[in-house]
Amino acid sequence: MYHSKMESLSMDRFFDALLTLESREDCYRFFEDVATAGELEDMAQRLEVAELLAEGGRYNAIVEKTGASTATISRVNKCLQYGADGYKLVIRRLGRKE
């Protein structure tokens, strides 16, 4: 079982709440209440950056396509290389749905 540095009872409760969401509509409703539009856009952008990096995308092309800063791209790339493999897990699972 994976153990995160972020692990706490409140984080467990929050993640349990996410696991109750059953549809995209549920996600929109919950996240509209729990996060700002900017926070959600930032997270969505990071996932897009991760997907493009995983496909072998170059920084300049990713900046142009997503509007992400090179610092953000570098941070996401560092997570892909040395992180907890969360991006890789999600990218793999999203690929199966398509």
PDB file of N, CA and C in Angstrom:
ATOM      1  N   MET A   1       0.848  -1.190   0.000  1.00  0.00           N
ATOM      2  CA  MET A   1       0.000   0.000   0.000  1.00  0.00           C
ATOM      3  C   MET A   1       0.885   1.242   0.000  1.00  0.00           C
ATOM      4  N   TYR A   2       0.518   2.209  -0.820  1.00  0.00           N
ATOM      5  CA  TYR A   2       1.278   3.451  -0.947  1.00  0.00           C
ATOM      6  C   TYR A   2       1.005   4.354   0.244  1.00  0.00           C
ATOM      7  N   HIS A   3       2.058   4.956   0.782  1.00  0.00           N
ATOM      8  CA  HIS A   3       1.917   5.929   1.867  1.00  0.00           C
ATOM      9  C   HIS A   3       2.484   7.261   1.416  1.00  0.00           C
ATOM     10  N   SER A   4       1.659   8.282   1.485  1.00  0.00           N
ATOM     11  CA  SER A   4       2.026   9.616   1.035  1.00  0.00           C
ATOM     12  C   SER A   4       2.499  10.472   2.194  1.00  0.00           C
ATOM     13  N   LYS A   5       3.363  11.450   1.857  1.00  0.00           N
ATOM     14  CA  LYS A   5       3.785  12.448   2.843  1.00  0.00           C
ATOM     15  C   LYS A   5       2.606  13.319   3.265  1.00  0.00           C
ATOM     16  N   MET A   6       1.578  13.389   2.430  1.00  0.00           N
ATOM     17  CA  MET A   6       0.403  14.235   2.696  1.00  0.00           C
ATOM     18  C   MET A   6      -0.633  13.538   3.561  1.00  0.00           C
ATOM     19  N   GLU A   7      -0.433  12.272   3.853  1.00  0.00           N
ATOM     20  CA  GLU A   7      -1.454  11.465   4.503  1.00  0.00           C
ATOM     21  C   GLU A   7      -1.889  12.036   5.856  1.00  0.00           C
ATOM     22  N   SER A   8      -3.204  12.128   6.022  1.00  0.00           N
ATOM     23  CA  SER A   8      -3.810  12.582   7.278  1.00  0.00           C
ATOM     24  C   SER A   8      -5.268  12.142   7.277  1.00  0.00           C
ATOM     25  N   LEU A   9      -5.903  12.235   8.413  1.00  0.00           N
ATOM     26  CA  LEU A   9      -7.323  11.865   8.481  1.00  0.00           C
ATOM     27  C   LEU A   9      -8.177  12.764   7.601  1.00  0.00           C
ATOM     28  N   SER A  10      -7.858  14.062   7.577  1.00  0.00           N
ATOM     29  CA  SER A  10      -8.667  14.968   6.757  1.00  0.00           C
ATOM     30  C   SER A  10      -8.448  14.706   5.265  1.00  0.00           C
ATOM     31  N   MET A  11      -7.214  14.361   4.867  1.00  0.00           N
ATOM     32  CA  MET A  11      -6.970  14.026   3.461  1.00  0.00           C
ATOM     33  C   MET A  11      -7.673  12.715   3.107  1.00  0.00           C
ATOM     34  N   ASP A  12      -7.632  11.741   4.019  1.00  0.00           N
ATOM     35  CA  ASP A  12      -8.349  10.481   3.790  1.00  0.00           C
ATOM     36  C   ASP A  12      -9.832  10.758   3.563  1.00  0.00           C
ATOM     37  N   ARG A  13     -10.400  11.616   4.388  1.00  0.00           N
ATOM     38  CA  ARG A  13     -11.834  11.940   4.275  1.00  0.00           C
ATOM     39  C   ARG A  13     -12.126  12.631   2.938  1.00  0.00           C
ATOM     40  N   PHE A  14     -11.250  13.551   2.555  1.00  0.00           N
ATOM     41  CA  PHE A  14     -11.425  14.257   1.282  1.00  0.00           C
ATOM     42  C   PHE A  14     -11.358  13.266   0.115  1.00  0.00           C
ATOM     43  N   PHE A  15     -10.372  12.379   0.116  1.00  0.00           N
ATOM     44  CA  PHE A  15     -10.260  11.404  -0.966  1.00  0.00           C
ATOM     45  C   PHE A  15     -11.424  10.419  -0.959  1.00  0.00           C
ATOM     46  N   ASP A  16     -11.892  10.050   0.213  1.00  0.00           N
ATOM     47  CA  ASP A  16     -13.095   9.206   0.290  1.00  0.00           C
ATOM     48  C   ASP A  16     -14.285   9.930  -0.340  1.00  0.00           C
ATOM     49  N   ALA A  17     -14.368  11.235  -0.116  1.00  0.00           N
ATOM     50  CA  ALA A  17     -15.446  12.022  -0.728  1.00  0.00           C
ATOM     51  C   ALA A  17     -15.330  11.976  -2.253  1.00  0.00           C
ATOM     52  N   LEU A  18     -14.117  12.106  -2.770  1.00  0.00           N
ATOM     53  CA  LEU A  18     -13.925  12.049  -4.225  1.00  0.00           C
ATOM     54  C   LEU A  18     -14.359  10.702  -4.783  1.00  0.00           C
ATOM     55  N   LEU A  19     -14.086   9.659  -4.053  1.00  0.00           N
ATOM     56  CA  LEU A  19     -14.442   8.320  -4.520  1.00  0.00           C
ATOM     57  C   LEU A  19     -15.949   8.075  -4.544  1.00  0.00           C
ATOM     58  N   THR A  20     -16.727   8.951  -3.912  1.00  0.00           N
ATOM     59  CA  THR A  20     -18.184   8.823  -3.968  1.00  0.00           C
ATOM     60  C   THR A  20     -18.763   9.439  -5.233  1.00  0.00           C
ATOM     61  N   LEU A  21     -17.993  10.258  -5.943  1.00  0.00           N
ATOM     62  CA  LEU A  21     -18.485  10.921  -7.144  1.00  0.00           C
ATOM     63  C   LEU A  21     -18.674   9.888  -8.242  1.00  0.00           C
ATOM     64  N   GLU A  22     -19.847   9.887  -8.859  1.00  0.00           N
ATOM     65  CA  GLU A  22     -20.204   8.831  -9.809  1.00  0.00           C
ATOM     66  C   GLU A  22     -20.274   9.285 -11.259  1.00  0.00           C
ATOM     67  N   SER A  23     -20.197  10.579 -11.494  1.00  0.00           N
ATOM     68  CA  SER A  23     -20.328  11.062 -12.874  1.00  0.00           C
ATOM     69  C   SER A  23     -19.546  12.358 -13.041  1.00  0.00           C
ATOM     70  N   ARG A  24     -19.357  12.743 -14.294  1.00  0.00           N
ATOM     71  CA  ARG A  24     -18.719  14.021 -14.580  1.00  0.00           C
ATOM     72  C   ARG A  24     -19.549  15.160 -13.975  1.00  0.00           C
ATOM     73  N   GLU A  25     -20.886  15.050 -14.047  1.00  0.00           N
ATOM     74  CA  GLU A  25     -21.751  16.075 -13.453  1.00  0.00           C
ATOM     75  C   GLU A  25     -21.502  16.177 -11.950  1.00  0.00           C
ATOM     76  N   ASP A  26     -21.392  15.032 -11.263  1.00  0.00           N
ATOM     77  CA  ASP A  26     -21.076  15.043  -9.826  1.00  0.00           C
ATOM     78  C   ASP A  26     -19.770  15.792  -9.581  1.00  0.00           C
ATOM     79  N   CYS A  27     -18.775  15.536 -10.422  1.00  0.00           N
ATOM     80  CA  CYS A  27     -17.476  16.198 -10.268  1.00  0.00           C
ATOM     81  C   CYS A  27     -17.601  17.702 -10.447  1.00  0.00           C
ATOM     82  N   TYR A  28     -18.308  18.136 -11.493  1.00  0.00           N
ATOM     83  CA  TYR A  28     -18.501  19.572 -11.703  1.00  0.00           C
ATOM     84  C   TYR A  28     -19.168  20.207 -10.487  1.00  0.00           C
ATOM     85  N   ARG A  29     -20.193  19.568  -9.977  1.00  0.00           N
ATOM     86  CA  ARG A  29     -20.939  20.127  -8.846  1.00  0.00           C
ATOM     87  C   ARG A  29     -20.062  20.228  -7.600  1.00  0.00           C
ATOM     88  N   PHE A  30     -19.341  19.146  -7.291  1.00  0.00           N
ATOM     89  CA  PHE A  30     -18.502  19.135  -6.098  1.00  0.00           C
ATOM     90  C   PHE A  30     -17.354  20.136  -6.216  1.00  0.00           C
ATOM     91  N   PHE A  31     -16.638  20.077  -7.330  1.00  0.00           N
ATOM     92  CA  PHE A  31     -15.462  20.936  -7.474  1.00  0.00           C
ATOM     93  C   PHE A  31     -15.817  22.402  -7.629  1.00  0.00           C
ATOM     94  N   GLU A  32     -17.002  22.697  -8.144  1.00  0.00           N
ATOM     95  CA  GLU A  32     -17.435  24.098  -8.202  1.00  0.00           C
ATOM     96  C   GLU A  32     -17.556  24.668  -6.800  1.00  0.00           C
ATOM     97  N   ASP A  33     -17.946  23.826  -5.854  1.00  0.00           N
ATOM     98  CA  ASP A  33     -18.069  24.265  -4.462  1.00  0.00           C
ATOM     99  C   ASP A  33     -16.738  24.259  -3.713  1.00  0.00           C
ATOM    100  N   VAL A  34     -15.879  23.308  -4.009  1.00  0.00           N
ATOM    101  CA  VAL A  34     -14.693  23.090  -3.176  1.00  0.00           C
ATOM    102  C   VAL A  34     -13.442  23.825  -3.673  1.00  0.00           C
ATOM    103  N   ALA A  35     -13.405  24.240  -4.933  1.00  0.00           N
ATOM    104  CA  ALA A  35     -12.217  24.883  -5.486  1.00  0.00           C
ATOM    105  C   ALA A  35     -12.608  26.065  -6.358  1.00  0.00           C
ATOM    106  N   THR A  36     -11.648  26.942  -6.567  1.00  0.00           N
ATOM    107  CA  THR A  36     -11.894  28.068  -7.467  1.00  0.00           C
ATOM    108  C   THR A  36     -11.737  27.593  -8.911  1.00  0.00           C
ATOM    109  N   ALA A  37     -12.294  28.353  -9.827  1.00  0.00           N
ATOM    110  CA  ALA A  37     -12.151  28.024 -11.248  1.00  0.00           C
ATOM    111  C   ALA A  37     -10.676  27.997 -11.631  1.00  0.00           C
ATOM    112  N   GLY A  38      -9.902  28.926 -11.106  1.00  0.00           N
ATOM    113  CA  GLY A  38      -8.472  28.988 -11.409  1.00  0.00           C
ATOM    114  C   GLY A  38      -7.721  27.763 -10.923  1.00  0.00           C
ATOM    115  N   GLU A  39      -8.051  27.291  -9.732  1.00  0.00           N
ATOM    116  CA  GLU A  39      -7.403  26.088  -9.198  1.00  0.00           C
ATOM    117  C   GLU A  39      -7.701  24.879 -10.075  1.00  0.00           C
ATOM    118  N   LEU A  40      -8.936  24.756 -10.492  1.00  0.00           N
ATOM    119  CA  LEU A  40      -9.323  23.637 -11.350  1.00  0.00           C
ATOM    120  C   LEU A  40      -8.668  23.730 -12.721  1.00  0.00           C
ATOM    121  N   GLU A  41      -8.619  24.931 -13.279  1.00  0.00           N
ATOM    122  CA  GLU A  41      -7.964  25.119 -14.578  1.00  0.00           C
ATOM    123  C   GLU A  41      -6.486  24.768 -14.487  1.00  0.00           C
ATOM    124  N   ASP A  42      -5.835  25.147 -13.379  1.00  0.00           N
ATOM    125  CA  ASP A  42      -4.422  24.808 -13.180  1.00  0.00           C
ATOM    126  C   ASP A  42      -4.221  23.300 -13.127  1.00  0.00           C
ATOM    127  N   MET A  43      -5.082  22.592 -12.408  1.00  0.00           N
ATOM    128  CA  MET A  43      -4.958  21.134 -12.318  1.00  0.00           C
ATOM    129  C   MET A  43      -5.211  20.477 -13.675  1.00  0.00           C
ATOM    130  N   ALA A  44      -6.221  20.953 -14.381  1.00  0.00           N
ATOM    131  CA  ALA A  44      -6.522  20.397 -15.707  1.00  0.00           C
ATOM    132  C   ALA A  44      -5.353  20.648 -16.659  1.00  0.00           C
ATOM    133  N   GLN A  45      -4.755  21.836 -16.571  1.00  0.00           N
ATOM    134  CA  GLN A  45      -3.613  22.167 -17.415  1.00  0.00           C
ATOM    135  C   GLN A  45      -2.431  21.248 -17.106  1.00  0.00           C
ATOM    136  N   ARG A  46      -2.170  20.977 -15.818  1.00  0.00           N
ATOM    137  CA  ARG A  46      -1.064  20.091 -15.443  1.00  0.00           C
ATOM    138  C   ARG A  46      -1.269  18.686 -16.001  1.00  0.00           C
ATOM    139  N   LEU A  47      -2.490  18.195 -15.971  1.00  0.00           N
ATOM    140  CA  LEU A  47      -2.760  16.877 -16.537  1.00  0.00           C
ATOM    141  C   LEU A  47      -2.507  16.886 -18.041  1.00  0.00           C
ATOM    142  N   GLU A  48      -2.960  17.927 -18.722  1.00  0.00           N
ATOM    143  CA  GLU A  48      -2.719  18.026 -20.166  1.00  0.00           C
ATOM    144  C   GLU A  48      -1.220  18.062 -20.452  1.00  0.00           C
ATOM    145  N   VAL A  49      -0.475  18.826 -19.660  1.00  0.00           N
ATOM    146  CA  VAL A  49       0.980  18.892 -19.814  1.00  0.00           C
ATOM    147  C   VAL A  49       1.589  17.501 -19.617  1.00  0.00           C
ATOM    148  N   ALA A  50       1.153  16.795 -18.590  1.00  0.00           N
ATOM    149  CA  ALA A  50       1.675  15.456 -18.317  1.00  0.00           C
ATOM    150  C   ALA A  50       1.403  14.520 -19.495  1.00  0.00           C
ATOM    151  N   GLU A  51       0.208  14.593 -20.060  1.00  0.00           N
ATOM    152  CA  GLU A  51      -0.121  13.745 -21.212  1.00  0.00           C
ATOM    153  C   GLU A  51       0.782  14.064 -22.397  1.00  0.00           C
ATOM    154  N   LEU A  52       0.995  15.345 -22.651  1.00  0.00           N
ATOM    155  CA  LEU A  52       1.846  15.748 -23.771  1.00  0.00           C
ATOM    156  C   LEU A  52       3.298  15.333 -23.544  1.00  0.00           C
ATOM    157  N   LEU A  53       3.787  15.475 -22.319  1.00  0.00           N
ATOM    158  CA  LEU A  53       5.149  15.033 -22.002  1.00  0.00           C
ATOM    159  C   LEU A  53       5.275  13.523 -22.165  1.00  0.00           C
ATOM    160  N   ALA A  54       4.276  12.793 -21.709  1.00  0.00           N
ATOM    161  CA  ALA A  54       4.296  11.334 -21.816  1.00  0.00           C
ATOM    162  C   ALA A  54       4.308  10.882 -23.275  1.00  0.00           C
ATOM    163  N   GLU A  55       3.748  11.706 -24.154  1.00  0.00           N
ATOM    164  CA  GLU A  55       3.751  11.418 -25.591  1.00  0.00           C
ATOM    165  C   GLU A  55       5.050  11.870 -26.259  1.00  0.00           C
ATOM    166  N   GLY A  56       5.970  12.453 -25.472  1.00  0.00           N
ATOM    167  CA  GLY A  56       7.246  12.906 -26.018  1.00  0.00           C
ATOM    168  C   GLY A  56       7.253  14.346 -26.487  1.00  0.00           C
ATOM    169  N   GLY A  57       6.254  15.117 -26.072  1.00  0.00           N
ATOM    170  CA  GLY A  57       6.167  16.511 -26.483  1.00  0.00           C
ATOM    171  C   GLY A  57       7.339  17.348 -26.003  1.00  0.00           C
ATOM    172  N   ARG A  58       7.703  18.344 -26.791  1.00  0.00           N
ATOM    173  CA  ARG A  58       8.778  19.279 -26.461  1.00  0.00           C
ATOM    174  C   ARG A  58       8.210  20.470 -25.704  1.00  0.00           C
ATOM    175  N   TYR A  59       9.020  21.039 -24.818  1.00  0.00           N
ATOM    176  CA  TYR A  59       8.573  22.147 -23.980  1.00  0.00           C
ATOM    177  C   TYR A  59       7.952  23.278 -24.797  1.00  0.00           C
ATOM    178  N   ASN A  60       8.616  23.715 -25.862  1.00  0.00           N
ATOM    179  CA  ASN A  60       8.106  24.853 -26.647  1.00  0.00           C
ATOM    180  C   ASN A  60       6.732  24.563 -27.233  1.00  0.00           C
ATOM    181  N   ALA A  61       6.545  23.358 -27.740  1.00  0.00           N
ATOM    182  CA  ALA A  61       5.245  22.983 -28.308  1.00  0.00           C
ATOM    183  C   ALA A  61       4.181  22.916 -27.217  1.00  0.00           C
ATOM    184  N   ILE A  62       4.564  22.438 -26.023  1.00  0.00           N
ATOM    185  CA  ILE A  62       3.614  22.335 -24.916  1.00  0.00           C
ATOM    186  C   ILE A  62       3.219  23.725 -24.419  1.00  0.00           C
ATOM    187  N   VAL A  63       4.191  24.636 -24.346  1.00  0.00           N
ATOM    188  CA  VAL A  63       3.893  26.028 -23.973  1.00  0.00           C
ATOM    189  C   VAL A  63       2.881  26.605 -24.947  1.00  0.00           C
ATOM    190  N   GLU A  64       3.141  26.402 -26.233  1.00  0.00           N
ATOM    191  CA  GLU A  64       2.267  26.949 -27.271  1.00  0.00           C
ATOM    192  C   GLU A  64       0.861  26.357 -27.199  1.00  0.00           C
ATOM    193  N   LYS A  65       0.769  25.051 -26.986  1.00  0.00           N
ATOM    194  CA  LYS A  65      -0.536  24.382 -26.990  1.00  0.00           C
ATOM    195  C   LYS A  65      -1.346  24.657 -25.728  1.00  0.00           C
ATOM    196  N   THR A  66      -0.674  24.678 -24.558  1.00  0.00           N
ATOM    197  CA  THR A  66      -1.395  24.756 -23.292  1.00  0.00           C
ATOM    198  C   THR A  66      -1.356  26.117 -22.615  1.00  0.00           C
ATOM    199  N   GLY A  67      -0.358  26.921 -22.955  1.00  0.00           N
ATOM    200  CA  GLY A  67      -0.175  28.198 -22.257  1.00  0.00           C
ATOM    201  C   GLY A  67       0.521  28.036 -20.916  1.00  0.00           C
ATOM    202  N   ALA A  68       0.954  26.817 -20.595  1.00  0.00           N
ATOM    203  CA  ALA A  68       1.650  26.561 -19.333  1.00  0.00           C
ATOM    204  C   ALA A  68       3.038  27.192 -19.378  1.00  0.00           C
ATOM    205  N   SER A  69       3.510  27.625 -18.243  1.00  0.00           N
ATOM    206  CA  SER A  69       4.865  28.170 -18.163  1.00  0.00           C
ATOM    207  C   SER A  69       5.876  27.029 -18.229  1.00  0.00           C
ATOM    208  N   THR A  70       7.106  27.360 -18.590  1.00  0.00           N
ATOM    209  CA  THR A  70       8.143  26.335 -18.611  1.00  0.00           C
ATOM    210  C   THR A  70       8.407  25.816 -17.196  1.00  0.00           C
ATOM    211  N   ALA A  71       8.193  26.648 -16.189  1.00  0.00           N
ATOM    212  CA  ALA A  71       8.352  26.190 -14.803  1.00  0.00           C
ATOM    213  C   ALA A  71       7.323  25.113 -14.463  1.00  0.00           C
ATOM    214  N   THR A  72       6.080  25.320 -14.895  1.00  0.00           N
ATOM    215  CA  THR A  72       5.033  24.316 -14.665  1.00  0.00           C
ATOM    216  C   THR A  72       5.360  23.028 -15.416  1.00  0.00           C
ATOM    217  N   ILE A  73       5.786  23.166 -16.654  1.00  0.00           N
ATOM    218  CA  ILE A  73       6.118  21.987 -17.452  1.00  0.00           C
ATOM    219  C   ILE A  73       7.268  21.221 -16.794  1.00  0.00           C
ATOM    220  N   SER A  74       8.258  21.948 -16.324  1.00  0.00           N
ATOM    221  CA  SER A  74       9.395  21.319 -15.655  1.00  0.00           C
ATOM    222  C   SER A  74       8.959  20.591 -14.387  1.00  0.00           C
ATOM    223  N   ARG A  75       8.081  21.207 -13.630  1.00  0.00           N
ATOM    224  CA  ARG A  75       7.582  20.604 -12.393  1.00  0.00           C
ATOM    225  C   ARG A  75       6.805  19.321 -12.683  1.00  0.00           C
ATOM    226  N   VAL A  76       5.948  19.371 -13.689  1.00  0.00           N
ATOM    227  CA  VAL A  76       5.180  18.182 -14.069  1.00  0.00           C
ATOM    228  C   VAL A  76       6.129  17.095 -14.572  1.00  0.00           C
ATOM    229  N   ASN A  77       7.120  17.487 -15.354  1.00  0.00           N
ATOM    230  CA  ASN A  77       8.086  16.514 -15.866  1.00  0.00           C
ATOM    231  C   ASN A  77       8.850  15.854 -14.717  1.00  0.00           C
ATOM    232  N   LYS A  78       9.197  16.631 -13.714  1.00  0.00           N
ATOM    233  CA  LYS A  78       9.881  16.085 -12.538  1.00  0.00           C
ATOM    234  C   LYS A  78       8.987  15.054 -11.840  1.00  0.00           C
ATOM    235  N   CYS A  79       7.695  15.349 -11.741  1.00  0.00           N
ATOM    236  CA  CYS A  79       6.751  14.397 -11.149  1.00  0.00           C
ATOM    237  C   CYS A  79       6.661  13.126 -11.984  1.00  0.00           C
ATOM    238  N   LEU A  80       6.657  13.276 -13.301  1.00  0.00           N
ATOM    239  CA  LEU A  80       6.601  12.100 -14.176  1.00  0.00           C
ATOM    240  C   LEU A  80       7.852  11.237 -14.009  1.00  0.00           C
ATOM    241  N   GLN A  81       8.998  11.883 -13.811  1.00  0.00           N
ATOM    242  CA  GLN A  81      10.263  11.154 -13.702  1.00  0.00           C
ATOM    243  C   GLN A  81      10.503  10.573 -12.313  1.00  0.00           C
ATOM    244  N   TYR A  82      10.181  11.353 -11.266  1.00  0.00           N
ATOM    245  CA  TYR A  82      10.585  10.975  -9.907  1.00  0.00           C
ATOM    246  C   TYR A  82       9.450  10.969  -8.893  1.00  0.00           C
ATOM    247  N   GLY A  83       8.228  11.186  -9.343  1.00  0.00           N
ATOM    248  CA  GLY A  83       7.101  11.310  -8.428  1.00  0.00           C
ATOM    249  C   GLY A  83       6.504   9.974  -8.025  1.00  0.00           C
ATOM    250  N   ALA A  84       5.288  10.033  -7.559  1.00  0.00           N
ATOM    251  CA  ALA A  84       4.583   8.863  -7.037  1.00  0.00           C
ATOM    252  C   ALA A  84       3.855   8.072  -8.133  1.00  0.00           C
ATOM    253  N   ASP A  85       4.071   8.421  -9.391  1.00  0.00           N
ATOM    254  CA  ASP A  85       3.459   7.770 -10.558  1.00  0.00           C
ATOM    255  C   ASP A  85       1.956   7.994 -10.663  1.00  0.00           C
ATOM    256  N   GLY A  86       1.460   9.030 -10.001  1.00  0.00           N
ATOM    257  CA  GLY A  86       0.038   9.355 -10.088  1.00  0.00           C
ATOM    258  C   GLY A  86      -0.380   9.785 -11.482  1.00  0.00           C
ATOM    259  N   TYR A  87       0.436  10.643 -12.116  1.00  0.00           N
ATOM    260  CA  TYR A  87       0.115  11.046 -13.489  1.00  0.00           C
ATOM    261  C   TYR A  87       0.096   9.828 -14.400  1.00  0.00           C
ATOM    262  N   LYS A  88       1.115   8.975 -14.283  1.00  0.00           N
ATOM    263  CA  LYS A  88       1.210   7.793 -15.153  1.00  0.00           C
ATOM    264  C   LYS A  88      -0.002   6.883 -14.974  1.00  0.00           C
ATOM    265  N   LEU A  89      -0.421   6.700 -13.746  1.00  0.00           N
ATOM    266  CA  LEU A  89      -1.583   5.868 -13.445  1.00  0.00           C
ATOM    267  C   LEU A  89      -2.833   6.399 -14.145  1.00  0.00           C
ATOM    268  N   VAL A  90      -3.071   7.687 -13.995  1.00  0.00           N
ATOM    269  CA  VAL A  90      -4.266   8.309 -14.575  1.00  0.00           C
ATOM    270  C   VAL A  90      -4.193   8.325 -16.102  1.00  0.00           C
ATOM    271  N   ILE A  91      -3.033   8.651 -16.645  1.00  0.00           N
ATOM    272  CA  ILE A  91      -2.881   8.680 -18.102  1.00  0.00           C
ATOM    273  C   ILE A  91      -3.149   7.291 -18.687  1.00  0.00           C
ATOM    274  N   ARG A  92      -2.616   6.272 -18.052  1.00  0.00           N
ATOM    275  CA  ARG A  92      -2.841   4.892 -18.509  1.00  0.00           C
ATOM    276  C   ARG A  92      -4.334   4.545 -18.475  1.00  0.00           C
ATOM    277  N   ARG A  93      -4.983   4.899 -17.375  1.00  0.00           N
ATOM    278  CA  ARG A  93      -6.412   4.573 -17.239  1.00  0.00           C
ATOM    279  C   ARG A  93      -7.269   5.368 -18.200  1.00  0.00           C
ATOM    280  N   LEU A  94      -6.933   6.624 -18.426  1.00  0.00           N
ATOM    281  CA  LEU A  94      -7.679   7.431 -19.404  1.00  0.00           C
ATOM    282  C   LEU A  94      -7.500   6.864 -20.810  1.00  0.00           C
ATOM    283  N   GLY A  95      -6.326   6.356 -21.112  1.00  0.00           N
ATOM    284  CA  GLY A  95      -6.058   5.761 -22.420  1.00  0.00           C
ATOM    285  C   GLY A  95      -6.923   4.553 -22.682  1.00  0.00           C
ATOM    286  N   ARG A  96      -7.224   3.803 -21.641  1.00  0.00           N
ATOM    287  CA  ARG A  96      -8.078   2.618 -21.776  1.00  0.00           C
ATOM    288  C   ARG A  96      -9.518   2.994 -22.080  1.00  0.00           C
ATOM    289  N   LYS A  97      -9.938   4.193 -21.647  1.00  0.00           N
ATOM    290  CA  LYS A  97     -11.331   4.613 -21.852  1.00  0.00           C
ATOM    291  C   LYS A  97     -11.572   5.097 -23.261  1.00  0.00           C
ATOM    292  N   GLU A  98     -10.518   5.532 -23.938  1.00  0.00           N
ATOM    293  CA  GLU A  98     -10.674   6.111 -25.280  1.00  0.00           C
ATOM    294  C   GLU A  98     -10.796   5.067 -26.337  1.00  0.00           C
TER     295      GLU A  98
END
